[in-house]
Amino acid sequence: TEAAQSMLDSMRDTLEDPVSITMLE
């Protein structure tokens, strides 16, 4: 998730909406 954060930030900037990663627990 630390490594993925920059990809999430870029995706958020592209779509202009919040993005998330979730896992099953």
PDBML (XML) file of the C-alpha atoms, coordinates in Angstrom:
<?xml version="1.0" encoding="UTF-8" ?>
<PDBx:datablock datablockName="MODEL"
   xmlns:PDBx="http://pdbml.pdb.org/schema/pdbx-v50.xsd"
   xmlns:xsi="http://www.w3.org/2001/XMLSchema-instance"
   xsi:schemaLocation="http://pdbml.pdb.org/schema/pdbx-v50.xsd pdbx-v50.xsd">
   <PDBx:atom_siteCategory>
      <PDBx:atom_site id="1">
         <PDBx:B_iso_or_equiv>0.00</PDBx:B_iso_or_equiv>
         <PDBx:Cartn_x>0.000</PDBx:Cartn_x>
         <PDBx:Cartn_y>0.000</PDBx:Cartn_y>
         <PDBx:Cartn_z>0.000</PDBx:Cartn_z>
         <PDBx:auth_asym_id>A</PDBx:auth_asym_id>
         <PDBx:auth_atom_id>CA</PDBx:auth_atom_id>
         <PDBx:auth_comp_id>THR</PDBx:auth_comp_id>
         <PDBx:auth_seq_id>1</PDBx:auth_seq_id>
         <PDBx:group_PDB>ATOM</PDBx:group_PDB>
         <PDBx:label_alt_id xsi:nil="true" />
         <PDBx:label_asym_id>A</PDBx:label_asym_id>
         <PDBx:label_atom_id>CA</PDBx:label_atom_id>
         <PDBx:label_comp_id>THR</PDBx:label_comp_id>
         <PDBx:label_entity_id>1</PDBx:label_entity_id>
         <PDBx:label_seq_id>1</PDBx:label_seq_id>
         <PDBx:occupancy>1.00</PDBx:occupancy>
         <PDBx:pdbx_PDB_model_num>1</PDBx:pdbx_PDB_model_num>
         <PDBx:type_symbol>C</PDBx:type_symbol>
      </PDBx:atom_site>
      <PDBx:atom_site id="2">
         <PDBx:B_iso_or_equiv>0.00</PDBx:B_iso_or_equiv>
         <PDBx:Cartn_x>2.906</PDBx:Cartn_x>
         <PDBx:Cartn_y>2.346</PDBx:Cartn_y>
         <PDBx:Cartn_z>0.622</PDBx:Cartn_z>
         <PDBx:auth_asym_id>A</PDBx:auth_asym_id>
         <PDBx:auth_atom_id>CA</PDBx:auth_atom_id>
         <PDBx:auth_comp_id>GLU</PDBx:auth_comp_id>
         <PDBx:auth_seq_id>2</PDBx:auth_seq_id>
         <PDBx:group_PDB>ATOM</PDBx:group_PDB>
         <PDBx:label_alt_id xsi:nil="true" />
         <PDBx:label_asym_id>A</PDBx:label_asym_id>
         <PDBx:label_atom_id>CA</PDBx:label_atom_id>
         <PDBx:label_comp_id>GLU</PDBx:label_comp_id>
         <PDBx:label_entity_id>1</PDBx:label_entity_id>
         <PDBx:label_seq_id>2</PDBx:label_seq_id>
         <PDBx:occupancy>1.00</PDBx:occupancy>
         <PDBx:pdbx_PDB_model_num>1</PDBx:pdbx_PDB_model_num>
         <PDBx:type_symbol>C</PDBx:type_symbol>
      </PDBx:atom_site>
      <PDBx:atom_site id="3">
         <PDBx:B_iso_or_equiv>0.00</PDBx:B_iso_or_equiv>
         <PDBx:Cartn_x>4.273</PDBx:Cartn_x>
         <PDBx:Cartn_y>1.595</PDBx:Cartn_y>
         <PDBx:Cartn_z>-2.843</PDBx:Cartn_z>
         <PDBx:auth_asym_id>A</PDBx:auth_asym_id>
         <PDBx:auth_atom_id>CA</PDBx:auth_atom_id>
         <PDBx:auth_comp_id>ALA</PDBx:auth_comp_id>
         <PDBx:auth_seq_id>3</PDBx:auth_seq_id>
         <PDBx:group_PDB>ATOM</PDBx:group_PDB>
         <PDBx:label_alt_id xsi:nil="true" />
         <PDBx:label_asym_id>A</PDBx:label_asym_id>
         <PDBx:label_atom_id>CA</PDBx:label_atom_id>
         <PDBx:label_comp_id>ALA</PDBx:label_comp_id>
         <PDBx:label_entity_id>1</PDBx:label_entity_id>
         <PDBx:label_seq_id>3</PDBx:label_seq_id>
         <PDBx:occupancy>1.00</PDBx:occupancy>
         <PDBx:pdbx_PDB_model_num>1</PDBx:pdbx_PDB_model_num>
         <PDBx:type_symbol>C</PDBx:type_symbol>
      </PDBx:atom_site>
      <PDBx:atom_site id="4">
         <PDBx:B_iso_or_equiv>0.00</PDBx:B_iso_or_equiv>
         <PDBx:Cartn_x>0.788</PDBx:Cartn_x>
         <PDBx:Cartn_y>1.947</PDBx:Cartn_y>
         <PDBx:Cartn_z>-4.363</PDBx:Cartn_z>
         <PDBx:auth_asym_id>A</PDBx:auth_asym_id>
         <PDBx:auth_atom_id>CA</PDBx:auth_atom_id>
         <PDBx:auth_comp_id>ALA</PDBx:auth_comp_id>
         <PDBx:auth_seq_id>4</PDBx:auth_seq_id>
         <PDBx:group_PDB>ATOM</PDBx:group_PDB>
         <PDBx:label_alt_id xsi:nil="true" />
         <PDBx:label_asym_id>A</PDBx:label_asym_id>
         <PDBx:label_atom_id>CA</PDBx:label_atom_id>
         <PDBx:label_comp_id>ALA</PDBx:label_comp_id>
         <PDBx:label_entity_id>1</PDBx:label_entity_id>
         <PDBx:label_seq_id>4</PDBx:label_seq_id>
         <PDBx:occupancy>1.00</PDBx:occupancy>
         <PDBx:pdbx_PDB_model_num>1</PDBx:pdbx_PDB_model_num>
         <PDBx:type_symbol>C</PDBx:type_symbol>
      </PDBx:atom_site>
      <PDBx:atom_site id="5">
         <PDBx:B_iso_or_equiv>0.00</PDBx:B_iso_or_equiv>
         <PDBx:Cartn_x>0.034</PDBx:Cartn_x>
         <PDBx:Cartn_y>5.359</PDBx:Cartn_y>
         <PDBx:Cartn_z>-2.870</PDBx:Cartn_z>
         <PDBx:auth_asym_id>A</PDBx:auth_asym_id>
         <PDBx:auth_atom_id>CA</PDBx:auth_atom_id>
         <PDBx:auth_comp_id>GLN</PDBx:auth_comp_id>
         <PDBx:auth_seq_id>5</PDBx:auth_seq_id>
         <PDBx:group_PDB>ATOM</PDBx:group_PDB>
         <PDBx:label_alt_id xsi:nil="true" />
         <PDBx:label_asym_id>A</PDBx:label_asym_id>
         <PDBx:label_atom_id>CA</PDBx:label_atom_id>
         <PDBx:label_comp_id>GLN</PDBx:label_comp_id>
         <PDBx:label_entity_id>1</PDBx:label_entity_id>
         <PDBx:label_seq_id>5</PDBx:label_seq_id>
         <PDBx:occupancy>1.00</PDBx:occupancy>
         <PDBx:pdbx_PDB_model_num>1</PDBx:pdbx_PDB_model_num>
         <PDBx:type_symbol>C</PDBx:type_symbol>
      </PDBx:atom_site>
      <PDBx:atom_site id="6">
         <PDBx:B_iso_or_equiv>0.00</PDBx:B_iso_or_equiv>
         <PDBx:Cartn_x>1.563</PDBx:Cartn_x>
         <PDBx:Cartn_y>7.386</PDBx:Cartn_y>
         <PDBx:Cartn_z>-5.703</PDBx:Cartn_z>
         <PDBx:auth_asym_id>A</PDBx:auth_asym_id>
         <PDBx:auth_atom_id>CA</PDBx:auth_atom_id>
         <PDBx:auth_comp_id>SER</PDBx:auth_comp_id>
         <PDBx:auth_seq_id>6</PDBx:auth_seq_id>
         <PDBx:group_PDB>ATOM</PDBx:group_PDB>
         <PDBx:label_alt_id xsi:nil="true" />
         <PDBx:label_asym_id>A</PDBx:label_asym_id>
         <PDBx:label_atom_id>CA</PDBx:label_atom_id>
         <PDBx:label_comp_id>SER</PDBx:label_comp_id>
         <PDBx:label_entity_id>1</PDBx:label_entity_id>
         <PDBx:label_seq_id>6</PDBx:label_seq_id>
         <PDBx:occupancy>1.00</PDBx:occupancy>
         <PDBx:pdbx_PDB_model_num>1</PDBx:pdbx_PDB_model_num>
         <PDBx:type_symbol>C</PDBx:type_symbol>
      </PDBx:atom_site>
      <PDBx:atom_site id="7">
         <PDBx:B_iso_or_equiv>0.00</PDBx:B_iso_or_equiv>
         <PDBx:Cartn_x>-0.528</PDBx:Cartn_x>
         <PDBx:Cartn_y>5.415</PDBx:Cartn_y>
         <PDBx:Cartn_z>-8.206</PDBx:Cartn_z>
         <PDBx:auth_asym_id>A</PDBx:auth_asym_id>
         <PDBx:auth_atom_id>CA</PDBx:auth_atom_id>
         <PDBx:auth_comp_id>MET</PDBx:auth_comp_id>
         <PDBx:auth_seq_id>7</PDBx:auth_seq_id>
         <PDBx:group_PDB>ATOM</PDBx:group_PDB>
         <PDBx:label_alt_id xsi:nil="true" />
         <PDBx:label_asym_id>A</PDBx:label_asym_id>
         <PDBx:label_atom_id>CA</PDBx:label_atom_id>
         <PDBx:label_comp_id>MET</PDBx:label_comp_id>
         <PDBx:label_entity_id>1</PDBx:label_entity_id>
         <PDBx:label_seq_id>7</PDBx:label_seq_id>
         <PDBx:occupancy>1.00</PDBx:occupancy>
         <PDBx:pdbx_PDB_model_num>1</PDBx:pdbx_PDB_model_num>
         <PDBx:type_symbol>C</PDBx:type_symbol>
      </PDBx:atom_site>
      <PDBx:atom_site id="8">
         <PDBx:B_iso_or_equiv>0.00</PDBx:B_iso_or_equiv>
         <PDBx:Cartn_x>-3.660</PDBx:Cartn_x>
         <PDBx:Cartn_y>6.163</PDBx:Cartn_y>
         <PDBx:Cartn_z>-6.193</PDBx:Cartn_z>
         <PDBx:auth_asym_id>A</PDBx:auth_asym_id>
         <PDBx:auth_atom_id>CA</PDBx:auth_atom_id>
         <PDBx:auth_comp_id>LEU</PDBx:auth_comp_id>
         <PDBx:auth_seq_id>8</PDBx:auth_seq_id>
         <PDBx:group_PDB>ATOM</PDBx:group_PDB>
         <PDBx:label_alt_id xsi:nil="true" />
         <PDBx:label_asym_id>A</PDBx:label_asym_id>
         <PDBx:label_atom_id>CA</PDBx:label_atom_id>
         <PDBx:label_comp_id>LEU</PDBx:label_comp_id>
         <PDBx:label_entity_id>1</PDBx:label_entity_id>
         <PDBx:label_seq_id>8</PDBx:label_seq_id>
         <PDBx:occupancy>1.00</PDBx:occupancy>
         <PDBx:pdbx_PDB_model_num>1</PDBx:pdbx_PDB_model_num>
         <PDBx:type_symbol>C</PDBx:type_symbol>
      </PDBx:atom_site>
      <PDBx:atom_site id="9">
         <PDBx:B_iso_or_equiv>0.00</PDBx:B_iso_or_equiv>
         <PDBx:Cartn_x>-2.771</PDBx:Cartn_x>
         <PDBx:Cartn_y>9.855</PDBx:Cartn_y>
         <PDBx:Cartn_z>-6.066</PDBx:Cartn_z>
         <PDBx:auth_asym_id>A</PDBx:auth_asym_id>
         <PDBx:auth_atom_id>CA</PDBx:auth_atom_id>
         <PDBx:auth_comp_id>ASP</PDBx:auth_comp_id>
         <PDBx:auth_seq_id>9</PDBx:auth_seq_id>
         <PDBx:group_PDB>ATOM</PDBx:group_PDB>
         <PDBx:label_alt_id xsi:nil="true" />
         <PDBx:label_asym_id>A</PDBx:label_asym_id>
         <PDBx:label_atom_id>CA</PDBx:label_atom_id>
         <PDBx:label_comp_id>ASP</PDBx:label_comp_id>
         <PDBx:label_entity_id>1</PDBx:label_entity_id>
         <PDBx:label_seq_id>9</PDBx:label_seq_id>
         <PDBx:occupancy>1.00</PDBx:occupancy>
         <PDBx:pdbx_PDB_model_num>1</PDBx:pdbx_PDB_model_num>
         <PDBx:type_symbol>C</PDBx:type_symbol>
      </PDBx:atom_site>
      <PDBx:atom_site id="10">
         <PDBx:B_iso_or_equiv>0.00</PDBx:B_iso_or_equiv>
         <PDBx:Cartn_x>-2.301</PDBx:Cartn_x>
         <PDBx:Cartn_y>9.942</PDBx:Cartn_y>
         <PDBx:Cartn_z>-9.835</PDBx:Cartn_z>
         <PDBx:auth_asym_id>A</PDBx:auth_asym_id>
         <PDBx:auth_atom_id>CA</PDBx:auth_atom_id>
         <PDBx:auth_comp_id>SER</PDBx:auth_comp_id>
         <PDBx:auth_seq_id>10</PDBx:auth_seq_id>
         <PDBx:group_PDB>ATOM</PDBx:group_PDB>
         <PDBx:label_alt_id xsi:nil="true" />
         <PDBx:label_asym_id>A</PDBx:label_asym_id>
         <PDBx:label_atom_id>CA</PDBx:label_atom_id>
         <PDBx:label_comp_id>SER</PDBx:label_comp_id>
         <PDBx:label_entity_id>1</PDBx:label_entity_id>
         <PDBx:label_seq_id>10</PDBx:label_seq_id>
         <PDBx:occupancy>1.00</PDBx:occupancy>
         <PDBx:pdbx_PDB_model_num>1</PDBx:pdbx_PDB_model_num>
         <PDBx:type_symbol>C</PDBx:type_symbol>
      </PDBx:atom_site>
      <PDBx:atom_site id="11">
         <PDBx:B_iso_or_equiv>0.00</PDBx:B_iso_or_equiv>
         <PDBx:Cartn_x>-5.595</PDBx:Cartn_x>
         <PDBx:Cartn_y>8.149</PDBx:Cartn_y>
         <PDBx:Cartn_z>-10.448</PDBx:Cartn_z>
         <PDBx:auth_asym_id>A</PDBx:auth_asym_id>
         <PDBx:auth_atom_id>CA</PDBx:auth_atom_id>
         <PDBx:auth_comp_id>MET</PDBx:auth_comp_id>
         <PDBx:auth_seq_id>11</PDBx:auth_seq_id>
         <PDBx:group_PDB>ATOM</PDBx:group_PDB>
         <PDBx:label_alt_id xsi:nil="true" />
         <PDBx:label_asym_id>A</PDBx:label_asym_id>
         <PDBx:label_atom_id>CA</PDBx:label_atom_id>
         <PDBx:label_comp_id>MET</PDBx:label_comp_id>
         <PDBx:label_entity_id>1</PDBx:label_entity_id>
         <PDBx:label_seq_id>11</PDBx:label_seq_id>
         <PDBx:occupancy>1.00</PDBx:occupancy>
         <PDBx:pdbx_PDB_model_num>1</PDBx:pdbx_PDB_model_num>
         <PDBx:type_symbol>C</PDBx:type_symbol>
      </PDBx:atom_site>
      <PDBx:atom_site id="12">
         <PDBx:B_iso_or_equiv>0.00</PDBx:B_iso_or_equiv>
         <PDBx:Cartn_x>-7.381</PDBx:Cartn_x>
         <PDBx:Cartn_y>10.544</PDBx:Cartn_y>
         <PDBx:Cartn_z>-8.104</PDBx:Cartn_z>
         <PDBx:auth_asym_id>A</PDBx:auth_asym_id>
         <PDBx:auth_atom_id>CA</PDBx:auth_atom_id>
         <PDBx:auth_comp_id>ARG</PDBx:auth_comp_id>
         <PDBx:auth_seq_id>12</PDBx:auth_seq_id>
         <PDBx:group_PDB>ATOM</PDBx:group_PDB>
         <PDBx:label_alt_id xsi:nil="true" />
         <PDBx:label_asym_id>A</PDBx:label_asym_id>
         <PDBx:label_atom_id>CA</PDBx:label_atom_id>
         <PDBx:label_comp_id>ARG</PDBx:label_comp_id>
         <PDBx:label_entity_id>1</PDBx:label_entity_id>
         <PDBx:label_seq_id>12</PDBx:label_seq_id>
         <PDBx:occupancy>1.00</PDBx:occupancy>
         <PDBx:pdbx_PDB_model_num>1</PDBx:pdbx_PDB_model_num>
         <PDBx:type_symbol>C</PDBx:type_symbol>
      </PDBx:atom_site>
      <PDBx:atom_site id="13">
         <PDBx:B_iso_or_equiv>0.00</PDBx:B_iso_or_equiv>
         <PDBx:Cartn_x>-5.983</PDBx:Cartn_x>
         <PDBx:Cartn_y>13.511</PDBx:Cartn_y>
         <PDBx:Cartn_z>-10.014</PDBx:Cartn_z>
         <PDBx:auth_asym_id>A</PDBx:auth_asym_id>
         <PDBx:auth_atom_id>CA</PDBx:auth_atom_id>
         <PDBx:auth_comp_id>ASP</PDBx:auth_comp_id>
         <PDBx:auth_seq_id>13</PDBx:auth_seq_id>
         <PDBx:group_PDB>ATOM</PDBx:group_PDB>
         <PDBx:label_alt_id xsi:nil="true" />
         <PDBx:label_asym_id>A</PDBx:label_asym_id>
         <PDBx:label_atom_id>CA</PDBx:label_atom_id>
         <PDBx:label_comp_id>ASP</PDBx:label_comp_id>
         <PDBx:label_entity_id>1</PDBx:label_entity_id>
         <PDBx:label_seq_id>13</PDBx:label_seq_id>
         <PDBx:occupancy>1.00</PDBx:occupancy>
         <PDBx:pdbx_PDB_model_num>1</PDBx:pdbx_PDB_model_num>
         <PDBx:type_symbol>C</PDBx:type_symbol>
      </PDBx:atom_site>
      <PDBx:atom_site id="14">
         <PDBx:B_iso_or_equiv>0.00</PDBx:B_iso_or_equiv>
         <PDBx:Cartn_x>-7.112</PDBx:Cartn_x>
         <PDBx:Cartn_y>11.999</PDBx:Cartn_y>
         <PDBx:Cartn_z>-13.325</PDBx:Cartn_z>
         <PDBx:auth_asym_id>A</PDBx:auth_asym_id>
         <PDBx:auth_atom_id>CA</PDBx:auth_atom_id>
         <PDBx:auth_comp_id>THR</PDBx:auth_comp_id>
         <PDBx:auth_seq_id>14</PDBx:auth_seq_id>
         <PDBx:group_PDB>ATOM</PDBx:group_PDB>
         <PDBx:label_alt_id xsi:nil="true" />
         <PDBx:label_asym_id>A</PDBx:label_asym_id>
         <PDBx:label_atom_id>CA</PDBx:label_atom_id>
         <PDBx:label_comp_id>THR</PDBx:label_comp_id>
         <PDBx:label_entity_id>1</PDBx:label_entity_id>
         <PDBx:label_seq_id>14</PDBx:label_seq_id>
         <PDBx:occupancy>1.00</PDBx:occupancy>
         <PDBx:pdbx_PDB_model_num>1</PDBx:pdbx_PDB_model_num>
         <PDBx:type_symbol>C</PDBx:type_symbol>
      </PDBx:atom_site>
      <PDBx:atom_site id="15">
         <PDBx:B_iso_or_equiv>0.00</PDBx:B_iso_or_equiv>
         <PDBx:Cartn_x>-10.674</PDBx:Cartn_x>
         <PDBx:Cartn_y>11.192</PDBx:Cartn_y>
         <PDBx:Cartn_z>-12.232</PDBx:Cartn_z>
         <PDBx:auth_asym_id>A</PDBx:auth_asym_id>
         <PDBx:auth_atom_id>CA</PDBx:auth_atom_id>
         <PDBx:auth_comp_id>LEU</PDBx:auth_comp_id>
         <PDBx:auth_seq_id>15</PDBx:auth_seq_id>
         <PDBx:group_PDB>ATOM</PDBx:group_PDB>
         <PDBx:label_alt_id xsi:nil="true" />
         <PDBx:label_asym_id>A</PDBx:label_asym_id>
         <PDBx:label_atom_id>CA</PDBx:label_atom_id>
         <PDBx:label_comp_id>LEU</PDBx:label_comp_id>
         <PDBx:label_entity_id>1</PDBx:label_entity_id>
         <PDBx:label_seq_id>15</PDBx:label_seq_id>
         <PDBx:occupancy>1.00</PDBx:occupancy>
         <PDBx:pdbx_PDB_model_num>1</PDBx:pdbx_PDB_model_num>
         <PDBx:type_symbol>C</PDBx:type_symbol>
      </PDBx:atom_site>
      <PDBx:atom_site id="16">
         <PDBx:B_iso_or_equiv>0.00</PDBx:B_iso_or_equiv>
         <PDBx:Cartn_x>-11.022</PDBx:Cartn_x>
         <PDBx:Cartn_y>14.014</PDBx:Cartn_y>
         <PDBx:Cartn_z>-9.701</PDBx:Cartn_z>
         <PDBx:auth_asym_id>A</PDBx:auth_asym_id>
         <PDBx:auth_atom_id>CA</PDBx:auth_atom_id>
         <PDBx:auth_comp_id>GLU</PDBx:auth_comp_id>
         <PDBx:auth_seq_id>16</PDBx:auth_seq_id>
         <PDBx:group_PDB>ATOM</PDBx:group_PDB>
         <PDBx:label_alt_id xsi:nil="true" />
         <PDBx:label_asym_id>A</PDBx:label_asym_id>
         <PDBx:label_atom_id>CA</PDBx:label_atom_id>
         <PDBx:label_comp_id>GLU</PDBx:label_comp_id>
         <PDBx:label_entity_id>1</PDBx:label_entity_id>
         <PDBx:label_seq_id>16</PDBx:label_seq_id>
         <PDBx:occupancy>1.00</PDBx:occupancy>
         <PDBx:pdbx_PDB_model_num>1</PDBx:pdbx_PDB_model_num>
         <PDBx:type_symbol>C</PDBx:type_symbol>
      </PDBx:atom_site>
      <PDBx:atom_site id="17">
         <PDBx:B_iso_or_equiv>0.00</PDBx:B_iso_or_equiv>
         <PDBx:Cartn_x>-12.675</PDBx:Cartn_x>
         <PDBx:Cartn_y>11.638</PDBx:Cartn_y>
         <PDBx:Cartn_z>-7.252</PDBx:Cartn_z>
         <PDBx:auth_asym_id>A</PDBx:auth_asym_id>
         <PDBx:auth_atom_id>CA</PDBx:auth_atom_id>
         <PDBx:auth_comp_id>ASP</PDBx:auth_comp_id>
         <PDBx:auth_seq_id>17</PDBx:auth_seq_id>
         <PDBx:group_PDB>ATOM</PDBx:group_PDB>
         <PDBx:label_alt_id xsi:nil="true" />
         <PDBx:label_asym_id>A</PDBx:label_asym_id>
         <PDBx:label_atom_id>CA</PDBx:label_atom_id>
         <PDBx:label_comp_id>ASP</PDBx:label_comp_id>
         <PDBx:label_entity_id>1</PDBx:label_entity_id>
         <PDBx:label_seq_id>17</PDBx:label_seq_id>
         <PDBx:occupancy>1.00</PDBx:occupancy>
         <PDBx:pdbx_PDB_model_num>1</PDBx:pdbx_PDB_model_num>
         <PDBx:type_symbol>C</PDBx:type_symbol>
      </PDBx:atom_site>
      <PDBx:atom_site id="18">
         <PDBx:B_iso_or_equiv>0.00</PDBx:B_iso_or_equiv>
         <PDBx:Cartn_x>-11.376</PDBx:Cartn_x>
         <PDBx:Cartn_y>9.647</PDBx:Cartn_y>
         <PDBx:Cartn_z>-4.256</PDBx:Cartn_z>
         <PDBx:auth_asym_id>A</PDBx:auth_asym_id>
         <PDBx:auth_atom_id>CA</PDBx:auth_atom_id>
         <PDBx:auth_comp_id>PRO</PDBx:auth_comp_id>
         <PDBx:auth_seq_id>18</PDBx:auth_seq_id>
         <PDBx:group_PDB>ATOM</PDBx:group_PDB>
         <PDBx:label_alt_id xsi:nil="true" />
         <PDBx:label_asym_id>A</PDBx:label_asym_id>
         <PDBx:label_atom_id>CA</PDBx:label_atom_id>
         <PDBx:label_comp_id>PRO</PDBx:label_comp_id>
         <PDBx:label_entity_id>1</PDBx:label_entity_id>
         <PDBx:label_seq_id>18</PDBx:label_seq_id>
         <PDBx:occupancy>1.00</PDBx:occupancy>
         <PDBx:pdbx_PDB_model_num>1</PDBx:pdbx_PDB_model_num>
         <PDBx:type_symbol>C</PDBx:type_symbol>
      </PDBx:atom_site>
      <PDBx:atom_site id="19">
         <PDBx:B_iso_or_equiv>0.00</PDBx:B_iso_or_equiv>
         <PDBx:Cartn_x>-9.869</PDBx:Cartn_x>
         <PDBx:Cartn_y>6.223</PDBx:Cartn_y>
         <PDBx:Cartn_z>-4.944</PDBx:Cartn_z>
         <PDBx:auth_asym_id>A</PDBx:auth_asym_id>
         <PDBx:auth_atom_id>CA</PDBx:auth_atom_id>
         <PDBx:auth_comp_id>VAL</PDBx:auth_comp_id>
         <PDBx:auth_seq_id>19</PDBx:auth_seq_id>
         <PDBx:group_PDB>ATOM</PDBx:group_PDB>
         <PDBx:label_alt_id xsi:nil="true" />
         <PDBx:label_asym_id>A</PDBx:label_asym_id>
         <PDBx:label_atom_id>CA</PDBx:label_atom_id>
         <PDBx:label_comp_id>VAL</PDBx:label_comp_id>
         <PDBx:label_entity_id>1</PDBx:label_entity_id>
         <PDBx:label_seq_id>19</PDBx:label_seq_id>
         <PDBx:occupancy>1.00</PDBx:occupancy>
         <PDBx:pdbx_PDB_model_num>1</PDBx:pdbx_PDB_model_num>
         <PDBx:type_symbol>C</PDBx:type_symbol>
      </PDBx:atom_site>
      <PDBx:atom_site id="20">
         <PDBx:B_iso_or_equiv>0.00</PDBx:B_iso_or_equiv>
         <PDBx:Cartn_x>-9.155</PDBx:Cartn_x>
         <PDBx:Cartn_y>3.407</PDBx:Cartn_y>
         <PDBx:Cartn_z>-2.519</PDBx:Cartn_z>
         <PDBx:auth_asym_id>A</PDBx:auth_asym_id>
         <PDBx:auth_atom_id>CA</PDBx:auth_atom_id>
         <PDBx:auth_comp_id>SER</PDBx:auth_comp_id>
         <PDBx:auth_seq_id>20</PDBx:auth_seq_id>
         <PDBx:group_PDB>ATOM</PDBx:group_PDB>
         <PDBx:label_alt_id xsi:nil="true" />
         <PDBx:label_asym_id>A</PDBx:label_asym_id>
         <PDBx:label_atom_id>CA</PDBx:label_atom_id>
         <PDBx:label_comp_id>SER</PDBx:label_comp_id>
         <PDBx:label_entity_id>1</PDBx:label_entity_id>
         <PDBx:label_seq_id>20</PDBx:label_seq_id>
         <PDBx:occupancy>1.00</PDBx:occupancy>
         <PDBx:pdbx_PDB_model_num>1</PDBx:pdbx_PDB_model_num>
         <PDBx:type_symbol>C</PDBx:type_symbol>
      </PDBx:atom_site>
      <PDBx:atom_site id="21">
         <PDBx:B_iso_or_equiv>0.00</PDBx:B_iso_or_equiv>
         <PDBx:Cartn_x>-7.699</PDBx:Cartn_x>
         <PDBx:Cartn_y>-0.065</PDBx:Cartn_y>
         <PDBx:Cartn_z>-2.067</PDBx:Cartn_z>
         <PDBx:auth_asym_id>A</PDBx:auth_asym_id>
         <PDBx:auth_atom_id>CA</PDBx:auth_atom_id>
         <PDBx:auth_comp_id>ILE</PDBx:auth_comp_id>
         <PDBx:auth_seq_id>21</PDBx:auth_seq_id>
         <PDBx:group_PDB>ATOM</PDBx:group_PDB>
         <PDBx:label_alt_id xsi:nil="true" />
         <PDBx:label_asym_id>A</PDBx:label_asym_id>
         <PDBx:label_atom_id>CA</PDBx:label_atom_id>
         <PDBx:label_comp_id>ILE</PDBx:label_comp_id>
         <PDBx:label_entity_id>1</PDBx:label_entity_id>
         <PDBx:label_seq_id>21</PDBx:label_seq_id>
         <PDBx:occupancy>1.00</PDBx:occupancy>
         <PDBx:pdbx_PDB_model_num>1</PDBx:pdbx_PDB_model_num>
         <PDBx:type_symbol>C</PDBx:type_symbol>
      </PDBx:atom_site>
      <PDBx:atom_site id="22">
         <PDBx:B_iso_or_equiv>0.00</PDBx:B_iso_or_equiv>
         <PDBx:Cartn_x>-9.571</PDBx:Cartn_x>
         <PDBx:Cartn_y>-2.513</PDBx:Cartn_y>
         <PDBx:Cartn_z>0.144</PDBx:Cartn_z>
         <PDBx:auth_asym_id>A</PDBx:auth_asym_id>
         <PDBx:auth_atom_id>CA</PDBx:auth_atom_id>
         <PDBx:auth_comp_id>THR</PDBx:auth_comp_id>
         <PDBx:auth_seq_id>22</PDBx:auth_seq_id>
         <PDBx:group_PDB>ATOM</PDBx:group_PDB>
         <PDBx:label_alt_id xsi:nil="true" />
         <PDBx:label_asym_id>A</PDBx:label_asym_id>
         <PDBx:label_atom_id>CA</PDBx:label_atom_id>
         <PDBx:label_comp_id>THR</PDBx:label_comp_id>
         <PDBx:label_entity_id>1</PDBx:label_entity_id>
         <PDBx:label_seq_id>22</PDBx:label_seq_id>
         <PDBx:occupancy>1.00</PDBx:occupancy>
         <PDBx:pdbx_PDB_model_num>1</PDBx:pdbx_PDB_model_num>
         <PDBx:type_symbol>C</PDBx:type_symbol>
      </PDBx:atom_site>
      <PDBx:atom_site id="23">
         <PDBx:B_iso_or_equiv>0.00</PDBx:B_iso_or_equiv>
         <PDBx:Cartn_x>-8.942</PDBx:Cartn_x>
         <PDBx:Cartn_y>-6.054</PDBx:Cartn_y>
         <PDBx:Cartn_z>1.361</PDBx:Cartn_z>
         <PDBx:auth_asym_id>A</PDBx:auth_asym_id>
         <PDBx:auth_atom_id>CA</PDBx:auth_atom_id>
         <PDBx:auth_comp_id>MET</PDBx:auth_comp_id>
         <PDBx:auth_seq_id>23</PDBx:auth_seq_id>
         <PDBx:group_PDB>ATOM</PDBx:group_PDB>
         <PDBx:label_alt_id xsi:nil="true" />
         <PDBx:label_asym_id>A</PDBx:label_asym_id>
         <PDBx:label_atom_id>CA</PDBx:label_atom_id>
         <PDBx:label_comp_id>MET</PDBx:label_comp_id>
         <PDBx:label_entity_id>1</PDBx:label_entity_id>
         <PDBx:label_seq_id>23</PDBx:label_seq_id>
         <PDBx:occupancy>1.00</PDBx:occupancy>
         <PDBx:pdbx_PDB_model_num>1</PDBx:pdbx_PDB_model_num>
         <PDBx:type_symbol>C</PDBx:type_symbol>
      </PDBx:atom_site>
      <PDBx:atom_site id="24">
         <PDBx:B_iso_or_equiv>0.00</PDBx:B_iso_or_equiv>
         <PDBx:Cartn_x>-11.198</PDBx:Cartn_x>
         <PDBx:Cartn_y>-8.740</PDBx:Cartn_y>
         <PDBx:Cartn_z>2.757</PDBx:Cartn_z>
         <PDBx:auth_asym_id>A</PDBx:auth_asym_id>
         <PDBx:auth_atom_id>CA</PDBx:auth_atom_id>
         <PDBx:auth_comp_id>LEU</PDBx:auth_comp_id>
         <PDBx:auth_seq_id>24</PDBx:auth_seq_id>
         <PDBx:group_PDB>ATOM</PDBx:group_PDB>
         <PDBx:label_alt_id xsi:nil="true" />
         <PDBx:label_asym_id>A</PDBx:label_asym_id>
         <PDBx:label_atom_id>CA</PDBx:label_atom_id>
         <PDBx:label_comp_id>LEU</PDBx:label_comp_id>
         <PDBx:label_entity_id>1</PDBx:label_entity_id>
         <PDBx:label_seq_id>24</PDBx:label_seq_id>
         <PDBx:occupancy>1.00</PDBx:occupancy>
         <PDBx:pdbx_PDB_model_num>1</PDBx:pdbx_PDB_model_num>
         <PDBx:type_symbol>C</PDBx:type_symbol>
      </PDBx:atom_site>
      <PDBx:atom_site id="25">
         <PDBx:B_iso_or_equiv>0.00</PDBx:B_iso_or_equiv>
         <PDBx:Cartn_x>-11.116</PDBx:Cartn_x>
         <PDBx:Cartn_y>-9.163</PDBx:Cartn_y>
         <PDBx:Cartn_z>6.527</PDBx:Cartn_z>
         <PDBx:auth_asym_id>A</PDBx:auth_asym_id>
         <PDBx:auth_atom_id>CA</PDBx:auth_atom_id>
         <PDBx:auth_comp_id>GLU</PDBx:auth_comp_id>
         <PDBx:auth_seq_id>25</PDBx:auth_seq_id>
         <PDBx:group_PDB>ATOM</PDBx:group_PDB>
         <PDBx:label_alt_id xsi:nil="true" />
         <PDBx:label_asym_id>A</PDBx:label_asym_id>
         <PDBx:label_atom_id>CA</PDBx:label_atom_id>
         <PDBx:label_comp_id>GLU</PDBx:label_comp_id>
         <PDBx:label_entity_id>1</PDBx:label_entity_id>
         <PDBx:label_seq_id>25</PDBx:label_seq_id>
         <PDBx:occupancy>1.00</PDBx:occupancy>
         <PDBx:pdbx_PDB_model_num>1</PDBx:pdbx_PDB_model_num>
         <PDBx:type_symbol>C</PDBx:type_symbol>
      </PDBx:atom_site>
   </PDBx:atom_siteCategory>
</PDBx:datablock>
